[in-house]
C-alpha cells in the first residue's frame, strides 16, 4: 500500500520523534541503522521529510535530525505519507491499474474503497506522539 520510501519515512519519523522526546538529536547513520535502511536511501528520505517540515536538521558537531515537541504532538501519519508518496494512497487502484474509477471499476474497487477510507482515517488520527509512546515503553519496535 505504501512505497518502500514511505515505509522508511514513517519509521524514520517515528524514530526521530522518539529520540527527540528523549532530548536527543540523531545522525544519518544512527537513523539508517535504527530503521534497517541503506544510508544513501535514508538520506534522500530524510531530505524529503525536512523539506516538508516534518523533521528538523542542524549541521555541525552538535547537529543532527530532530523533531520539535509541538510537532510530535500535532503531526499525524497522513502528513508523513503525503511528504513521501503524495495522496496516491487515497486514490490509487487496489490492483494497481492506471484507470480504475466508479465508471470503470476493477474487480476489488468497491471493497478497496472502504479499506482506503479506513486507512485515511487511521493516518489522519494517529500522531507521532502516540506512536513513540509504545517505543519508549518497549511495547513496539521498528526492526527485529
N, C-alpha and C. Protein backbone atom coordinates (compact mmCIF):
# COMPACT_ATOMS: atom_id res chain seq x y z
N UNK A 1 0.82 -1.19 0.00
CA UNK A 1 0.00 0.00 0.00
C UNK A 1 0.88 1.26 0.00
N UNK A 2 1.94 1.25 0.80
CA UNK A 2 2.89 2.36 0.81
C UNK A 2 4.11 1.96 -0.01
N UNK A 3 4.76 2.94 -0.59
CA UNK A 3 6.03 2.66 -1.26
C UNK A 3 7.07 2.32 -0.20
N UNK A 4 8.17 1.70 -0.62
CA UNK A 4 9.25 1.38 0.30
C UNK A 4 9.80 2.67 0.92
N UNK A 5 9.90 3.72 0.12
CA UNK A 5 10.38 5.02 0.63
C UNK A 5 9.46 5.52 1.74
N UNK A 6 8.17 5.36 1.54
CA UNK A 6 7.22 5.83 2.54
C UNK A 6 7.32 5.01 3.82
N UNK A 7 7.47 3.70 3.68
CA UNK A 7 7.64 2.85 4.87
C UNK A 7 8.85 3.31 5.67
N UNK A 8 9.97 3.53 4.97
CA UNK A 8 11.17 4.01 5.66
C UNK A 8 10.95 5.41 6.24
N UNK A 9 10.22 6.26 5.53
CA UNK A 9 9.93 7.61 6.02
C UNK A 9 9.11 7.58 7.30
N UNK A 10 8.15 6.70 7.36
CA UNK A 10 7.33 6.57 8.57
C UNK A 10 8.20 6.08 9.72
N UNK A 11 8.99 5.04 9.46
CA UNK A 11 9.87 4.51 10.51
C UNK A 11 10.87 5.56 11.00
N UNK A 12 11.47 6.28 10.05
CA UNK A 12 12.45 7.32 10.42
C UNK A 12 11.79 8.41 11.24
N UNK A 13 10.60 8.83 10.85
CA UNK A 13 9.89 9.88 11.59
C UNK A 13 9.59 9.43 13.02
N UNK A 14 9.13 8.19 13.16
CA UNK A 14 8.83 7.67 14.49
C UNK A 14 10.10 7.61 15.34
N UNK A 15 11.18 7.12 14.75
CA UNK A 15 12.44 7.01 15.49
C UNK A 15 12.96 8.40 15.90
N UNK A 16 12.94 9.33 14.99
CA UNK A 16 13.42 10.68 15.30
C UNK A 16 12.52 11.33 16.35
N UNK A 17 11.22 11.10 16.27
CA UNK A 17 10.30 11.65 17.28
C UNK A 17 10.61 11.06 18.65
N UNK A 18 10.83 9.75 18.69
CA UNK A 18 11.15 9.09 19.96
C UNK A 18 12.42 9.68 20.56
N UNK A 19 13.47 9.80 19.76
CA UNK A 19 14.74 10.32 20.25
C UNK A 19 14.61 11.79 20.68
N UNK A 20 13.78 12.54 19.96
CA UNK A 20 13.56 13.95 20.30
C UNK A 20 12.85 14.07 21.64
N UNK A 21 11.92 13.17 21.93
CA UNK A 21 11.26 13.18 23.23
C UNK A 21 12.24 12.86 24.36
N UNK A 22 13.32 12.16 24.00
CA UNK A 22 14.38 11.86 24.97
C UNK A 22 15.47 12.93 24.95
N UNK A 23 15.18 14.06 24.26
CA UNK A 23 16.11 15.20 24.12
C UNK A 23 17.40 14.83 23.41
N UNK A 24 17.31 13.98 22.38
CA UNK A 24 18.48 13.58 21.62
C UNK A 24 18.29 13.94 20.15
N UNK A 25 19.39 14.39 19.53
CA UNK A 25 19.44 14.54 18.08
C UNK A 25 20.14 13.29 17.54
N UNK A 26 19.77 12.88 16.34
CA UNK A 26 20.36 11.66 15.78
C UNK A 26 20.95 11.94 14.41
N UNK A 27 22.01 11.22 14.09
CA UNK A 27 22.66 11.36 12.79
C UNK A 27 22.10 10.37 11.78
N UNK A 28 22.49 10.57 10.54
CA UNK A 28 22.04 9.72 9.44
C UNK A 28 22.34 8.24 9.69
N UNK A 29 23.57 7.93 10.09
CA UNK A 29 23.95 6.53 10.30
C UNK A 29 23.09 5.88 11.37
N UNK A 30 22.84 6.61 12.43
CA UNK A 30 22.03 6.07 13.52
C UNK A 30 20.59 5.82 13.06
N UNK A 31 20.03 6.75 12.30
CA UNK A 31 18.66 6.57 11.81
C UNK A 31 18.60 5.36 10.88
N UNK A 32 19.53 5.29 9.94
CA UNK A 32 19.55 4.17 8.98
C UNK A 32 19.65 2.83 9.70
N UNK A 33 20.50 2.77 10.70
CA UNK A 33 20.66 1.53 11.46
C UNK A 33 19.39 1.21 12.24
N UNK A 34 18.79 2.21 12.85
CA UNK A 34 17.59 2.00 13.68
C UNK A 34 16.39 1.52 12.88
N UNK A 35 16.32 1.92 11.60
CA UNK A 35 15.16 1.53 10.79
C UNK A 35 15.52 0.47 9.76
N UNK A 36 16.79 0.00 9.81
CA UNK A 36 17.26 -1.05 8.91
C UNK A 36 17.11 -0.65 7.44
N UNK A 37 17.66 0.51 7.11
CA UNK A 37 17.57 1.06 5.76
C UNK A 37 18.97 1.46 5.28
N UNK A 38 19.25 1.32 3.98
CA UNK A 38 20.54 1.78 3.46
C UNK A 38 20.73 3.29 3.69
N UNK A 39 21.95 3.69 4.03
CA UNK A 39 22.22 5.09 4.36
C UNK A 39 21.86 6.06 3.23
N UNK A 40 22.28 5.75 2.00
CA UNK A 40 22.01 6.68 0.89
C UNK A 40 20.51 6.84 0.68
N UNK A 41 19.78 5.77 0.79
CA UNK A 41 18.32 5.81 0.65
C UNK A 41 17.69 6.61 1.79
N UNK A 42 18.19 6.37 2.99
CA UNK A 42 17.69 7.08 4.17
C UNK A 42 17.95 8.57 4.04
N UNK A 43 19.11 8.94 3.52
CA UNK A 43 19.45 10.35 3.35
C UNK A 43 18.43 11.07 2.47
N UNK A 44 18.05 10.45 1.37
CA UNK A 44 17.06 11.06 0.47
C UNK A 44 15.70 11.19 1.14
N UNK A 45 15.33 10.20 1.91
CA UNK A 45 14.05 10.24 2.62
C UNK A 45 14.06 11.34 3.67
N UNK A 46 15.15 11.45 4.42
CA UNK A 46 15.25 12.49 5.44
C UNK A 46 15.23 13.88 4.82
N UNK A 47 15.81 14.03 3.63
CA UNK A 47 15.74 15.31 2.92
C UNK A 47 14.29 15.67 2.62
N UNK A 48 13.52 14.69 2.16
CA UNK A 48 12.10 14.92 1.86
C UNK A 48 11.33 15.32 3.11
N UNK A 49 11.61 14.64 4.20
CA UNK A 49 10.93 14.94 5.46
C UNK A 49 11.29 16.34 5.96
N UNK A 50 12.55 16.72 5.79
CA UNK A 50 12.98 18.06 6.21
C UNK A 50 12.37 19.14 5.31
N UNK A 51 12.32 18.89 4.00
CA UNK A 51 11.70 19.85 3.07
C UNK A 51 10.23 20.08 3.40
N UNK A 52 9.58 19.05 3.90
CA UNK A 52 8.16 19.15 4.25
C UNK A 52 7.94 19.52 5.71
N UNK A 53 9.02 19.91 6.39
CA UNK A 53 8.97 20.40 7.77
C UNK A 53 8.42 19.38 8.77
N UNK A 54 8.66 18.11 8.47
CA UNK A 54 8.29 17.04 9.40
C UNK A 54 9.41 16.91 10.44
N UNK A 55 10.65 16.95 9.96
CA UNK A 55 11.80 16.87 10.85
C UNK A 55 12.65 18.12 10.66
N UNK A 56 13.54 18.34 11.61
CA UNK A 56 14.45 19.49 11.57
C UNK A 56 15.86 18.94 11.51
N UNK A 57 16.71 19.64 10.77
CA UNK A 57 18.10 19.21 10.67
C UNK A 57 19.02 20.37 11.05
N UNK A 58 20.02 20.05 11.87
CA UNK A 58 21.04 21.01 12.27
C UNK A 58 22.39 20.48 11.81
N UNK A 59 23.19 21.34 11.22
CA UNK A 59 24.53 20.94 10.76
C UNK A 59 25.55 21.24 11.85
N UNK A 60 26.70 20.64 11.69
CA UNK A 60 27.80 20.91 12.62
C UNK A 60 27.98 19.82 13.65
N UNK A 61 28.96 20.02 14.55
CA UNK A 61 29.32 18.99 15.51
C UNK A 61 28.20 18.64 16.49
N UNK A 62 27.31 19.56 16.76
CA UNK A 62 26.19 19.28 17.67
C UNK A 62 24.89 19.11 16.89
N UNK A 63 25.01 18.91 15.60
CA UNK A 63 23.84 18.79 14.74
C UNK A 63 23.22 17.41 14.73
N UNK A 64 22.27 17.27 13.85
CA UNK A 64 21.57 16.01 13.70
C UNK A 64 20.12 16.26 13.35
N UNK A 65 19.37 15.20 13.30
CA UNK A 65 17.95 15.28 12.99
C UNK A 65 17.15 15.26 14.28
N UNK A 66 16.10 16.06 14.30
CA UNK A 66 15.24 16.12 15.47
C UNK A 66 13.84 16.53 15.03
N UNK A 67 12.95 16.51 16.01
CA UNK A 67 11.57 16.92 15.76
C UNK A 67 11.14 17.77 16.96
N UNK A 68 10.58 18.91 16.70
CA UNK A 68 10.10 19.79 17.76
C UNK A 68 8.97 19.10 18.53
N UNK A 69 8.96 19.27 19.82
CA UNK A 69 7.93 18.61 20.66
C UNK A 69 6.51 18.97 20.24
N UNK A 70 6.31 20.22 19.83
CA UNK A 70 4.95 20.60 19.41
C UNK A 70 4.57 19.88 18.11
N UNK A 71 5.56 19.64 17.25
CA UNK A 71 5.31 18.90 16.02
C UNK A 71 4.97 17.45 16.35
N UNK A 72 5.70 16.87 17.30
CA UNK A 72 5.47 15.48 17.68
C UNK A 72 4.03 15.29 18.15
N UNK A 73 3.52 16.26 18.89
CA UNK A 73 2.17 16.15 19.41
C UNK A 73 1.10 16.38 18.35
N UNK A 74 1.42 17.19 17.33
CA UNK A 74 0.40 17.57 16.34
C UNK A 74 0.48 16.80 15.03
N UNK A 75 1.67 16.44 14.61
CA UNK A 75 1.80 15.86 13.27
C UNK A 75 1.25 14.44 13.24
N UNK A 76 0.53 14.14 12.18
CA UNK A 76 -0.05 12.81 12.05
C UNK A 76 0.65 12.03 10.94
N UNK A 77 0.32 10.76 10.87
CA UNK A 77 0.93 9.90 9.86
C UNK A 77 0.58 10.35 8.45
N UNK A 78 -0.60 10.94 8.28
CA UNK A 78 -1.01 11.41 6.95
C UNK A 78 -0.01 12.42 6.40
N UNK A 79 0.53 13.28 7.24
CA UNK A 79 1.50 14.28 6.80
C UNK A 79 2.79 13.62 6.33
N UNK A 80 3.22 12.59 7.02
CA UNK A 80 4.44 11.88 6.64
C UNK A 80 4.21 11.15 5.31
N UNK A 81 3.09 10.47 5.19
CA UNK A 81 2.78 9.74 3.95
C UNK A 81 2.70 10.71 2.78
N UNK A 82 2.04 11.85 2.99
CA UNK A 82 1.91 12.84 1.92
C UNK A 82 3.29 13.39 1.51
N UNK A 83 4.17 13.60 2.49
CA UNK A 83 5.52 14.13 2.20
C UNK A 83 6.32 13.20 1.29
N UNK A 84 6.10 11.90 1.41
CA UNK A 84 6.87 10.94 0.64
C UNK A 84 6.12 10.45 -0.60
N UNK A 85 4.86 10.06 -0.44
CA UNK A 85 4.10 9.43 -1.53
C UNK A 85 3.00 10.31 -2.13
N UNK A 86 2.80 11.49 -1.58
CA UNK A 86 1.68 12.30 -2.07
C UNK A 86 0.36 11.70 -1.62
N UNK A 87 -0.69 11.91 -2.39
CA UNK A 87 -2.00 11.42 -1.97
C UNK A 87 -2.47 10.19 -2.74
N UNK A 88 -1.56 9.52 -3.44
CA UNK A 88 -1.96 8.37 -4.26
C UNK A 88 -2.53 7.22 -3.44
N UNK A 89 -2.18 7.13 -2.16
CA UNK A 89 -2.71 6.07 -1.31
C UNK A 89 -4.23 6.20 -1.17
N UNK A 90 -4.75 7.41 -1.34
CA UNK A 90 -6.19 7.64 -1.21
C UNK A 90 -6.92 7.47 -2.54
N UNK A 91 -6.18 7.46 -3.64
CA UNK A 91 -6.82 7.45 -4.95
C UNK A 91 -6.42 6.28 -5.84
N UNK A 92 -5.36 5.60 -5.49
CA UNK A 92 -4.84 4.53 -6.34
C UNK A 92 -5.75 3.31 -6.38
N UNK A 93 -5.61 2.55 -7.42
CA UNK A 93 -6.35 1.30 -7.61
C UNK A 93 -5.77 0.21 -6.71
N UNK A 94 -6.63 -0.59 -6.11
CA UNK A 94 -6.19 -1.69 -5.26
C UNK A 94 -5.39 -2.75 -6.00
N UNK A 95 -5.58 -2.83 -7.31
CA UNK A 95 -4.83 -3.78 -8.13
C UNK A 95 -3.72 -3.11 -8.93
N UNK A 96 -3.56 -1.80 -8.74
CA UNK A 96 -2.51 -1.07 -9.43
C UNK A 96 -2.83 -0.68 -10.87
N UNK A 97 -4.10 -0.78 -11.26
CA UNK A 97 -4.48 -0.39 -12.62
C UNK A 97 -4.40 1.12 -12.78
N UNK A 98 -4.02 1.60 -13.96
CA UNK A 98 -3.85 3.05 -14.15
C UNK A 98 -5.15 3.83 -14.19
N UNK A 99 -6.26 3.22 -14.57
CA UNK A 99 -7.51 3.99 -14.66
C UNK A 99 -8.68 3.21 -14.07
N UNK A 100 -8.70 3.13 -12.76
CA UNK A 100 -9.77 2.47 -12.03
C UNK A 100 -10.61 3.56 -11.38
N UNK A 101 -11.92 3.57 -11.62
CA UNK A 101 -12.80 4.57 -11.02
C UNK A 101 -14.22 4.02 -10.93
N UNK A 102 -15.14 4.84 -10.47
CA UNK A 102 -16.54 4.41 -10.32
C UNK A 102 -17.15 3.98 -11.65
N UNK A 103 -16.78 4.65 -12.73
CA UNK A 103 -17.33 4.34 -14.05
C UNK A 103 -16.72 3.09 -14.67
N UNK A 104 -15.48 2.79 -14.32
CA UNK A 104 -14.78 1.64 -14.87
C UNK A 104 -13.97 0.98 -13.74
N UNK A 105 -14.68 0.31 -12.79
CA UNK A 105 -14.01 -0.23 -11.61
C UNK A 105 -13.28 -1.54 -11.87
N UNK A 106 -12.21 -1.74 -11.11
CA UNK A 106 -11.51 -3.03 -11.14
C UNK A 106 -12.34 -4.02 -10.30
N UNK A 107 -11.99 -5.29 -10.31
CA UNK A 107 -12.76 -6.28 -9.55
C UNK A 107 -12.83 -6.05 -8.04
N UNK A 108 -11.86 -5.34 -7.45
CA UNK A 108 -11.88 -5.11 -5.99
C UNK A 108 -12.20 -3.65 -5.64
N UNK A 109 -12.65 -2.87 -6.61
CA UNK A 109 -12.85 -1.43 -6.40
C UNK A 109 -13.77 -1.13 -5.21
N UNK A 110 -14.93 -1.75 -5.17
CA UNK A 110 -15.90 -1.46 -4.10
C UNK A 110 -15.35 -1.82 -2.72
N UNK A 111 -14.71 -2.98 -2.61
CA UNK A 111 -14.16 -3.40 -1.32
C UNK A 111 -12.97 -2.53 -0.92
N UNK A 112 -12.15 -2.18 -1.88
CA UNK A 112 -10.97 -1.38 -1.59
C UNK A 112 -11.32 0.04 -1.18
N UNK A 113 -12.44 0.55 -1.66
CA UNK A 113 -12.88 1.90 -1.32
C UNK A 113 -13.05 2.04 0.20
N UNK A 114 -13.67 1.05 0.82
CA UNK A 114 -13.85 1.08 2.28
C UNK A 114 -12.54 0.98 3.02
N UNK A 115 -11.64 0.15 2.52
CA UNK A 115 -10.32 0.00 3.15
C UNK A 115 -9.55 1.31 3.07
N UNK A 116 -9.63 1.97 1.91
CA UNK A 116 -8.94 3.25 1.72
C UNK A 116 -9.48 4.31 2.69
N UNK A 117 -10.80 4.32 2.89
CA UNK A 117 -11.40 5.29 3.82
C UNK A 117 -10.95 5.02 5.25
N UNK A 118 -10.89 3.74 5.63
CA UNK A 118 -10.40 3.39 6.97
C UNK A 118 -8.94 3.77 7.14
N UNK A 119 -8.15 3.53 6.10
CA UNK A 119 -6.73 3.89 6.14
C UNK A 119 -6.56 5.40 6.30
N UNK A 120 -7.33 6.16 5.54
CA UNK A 120 -7.25 7.62 5.62
C UNK A 120 -7.57 8.09 7.04
N UNK A 121 -8.61 7.52 7.63
CA UNK A 121 -8.98 7.88 8.99
C UNK A 121 -7.87 7.55 9.98
N UNK A 122 -7.27 6.36 9.84
CA UNK A 122 -6.18 5.97 10.73
C UNK A 122 -4.99 6.90 10.58
N UNK A 123 -4.61 7.23 9.34
CA UNK A 123 -3.46 8.10 9.11
C UNK A 123 -3.70 9.50 9.66
N UNK A 124 -4.92 9.99 9.54
CA UNK A 124 -5.22 11.35 9.99
C UNK A 124 -5.39 11.46 11.51
N UNK A 125 -5.66 10.36 12.18
CA UNK A 125 -5.91 10.42 13.63
C UNK A 125 -4.74 9.87 14.46
N UNK A 126 -3.73 9.35 13.81
CA UNK A 126 -2.58 8.80 14.53
C UNK A 126 -1.44 9.80 14.54
N UNK A 127 -1.06 10.25 15.73
CA UNK A 127 0.02 11.23 15.85
C UNK A 127 1.36 10.56 16.10
N UNK A 128 2.42 11.31 15.82
CA UNK A 128 3.77 10.81 16.10
C UNK A 128 3.91 10.49 17.58
N UNK A 129 3.34 11.32 18.42
CA UNK A 129 3.49 11.10 19.87
C UNK A 129 2.88 9.75 20.26
N UNK A 130 1.69 9.45 19.74
CA UNK A 130 1.06 8.18 20.12
C UNK A 130 1.91 6.99 19.67
N UNK A 131 2.62 7.12 18.56
CA UNK A 131 3.45 6.03 18.07
C UNK A 131 4.75 5.90 18.85
N UNK A 132 5.26 7.01 19.36
CA UNK A 132 6.52 6.95 20.10
C UNK A 132 6.34 6.38 21.51
N UNK A 133 5.16 6.53 22.06
CA UNK A 133 4.94 6.05 23.42
C UNK A 133 5.16 4.54 23.53
N UNK A 134 4.74 3.80 22.51
CA UNK A 134 4.97 2.35 22.52
C UNK A 134 6.44 2.00 22.45
N UNK A 135 7.20 2.77 21.66
CA UNK A 135 8.65 2.53 21.57
C UNK A 135 9.33 2.79 22.91
N UNK A 136 9.01 3.94 23.48
CA UNK A 136 9.63 4.32 24.75
C UNK A 136 9.29 3.31 25.84
N UNK A 137 8.06 2.82 25.80
CA UNK A 137 7.64 1.84 26.81
C UNK A 137 8.06 0.41 26.50
N UNK A 138 8.73 0.20 25.37
CA UNK A 138 9.18 -1.13 24.99
C UNK A 138 8.07 -2.04 24.49
N UNK A 139 6.92 -1.48 24.15
CA UNK A 139 5.78 -2.29 23.70
C UNK A 139 5.77 -2.48 22.18
N UNK A 140 6.45 -1.58 21.46
CA UNK A 140 6.51 -1.69 20.00
C UNK A 140 7.97 -1.58 19.55
N UNK A 141 8.23 -1.89 18.29
CA UNK A 141 9.59 -1.87 17.78
C UNK A 141 9.58 -1.41 16.33
N UNK A 142 10.76 -0.99 15.84
CA UNK A 142 10.91 -0.55 14.45
C UNK A 142 11.67 -1.55 13.59
N UNK A 143 12.37 -2.48 14.20
CA UNK A 143 13.06 -3.53 13.46
C UNK A 143 13.28 -4.70 14.39
N UNK A 144 13.56 -5.82 13.79
CA UNK A 144 13.86 -7.03 14.58
C UNK A 144 15.30 -7.40 14.40
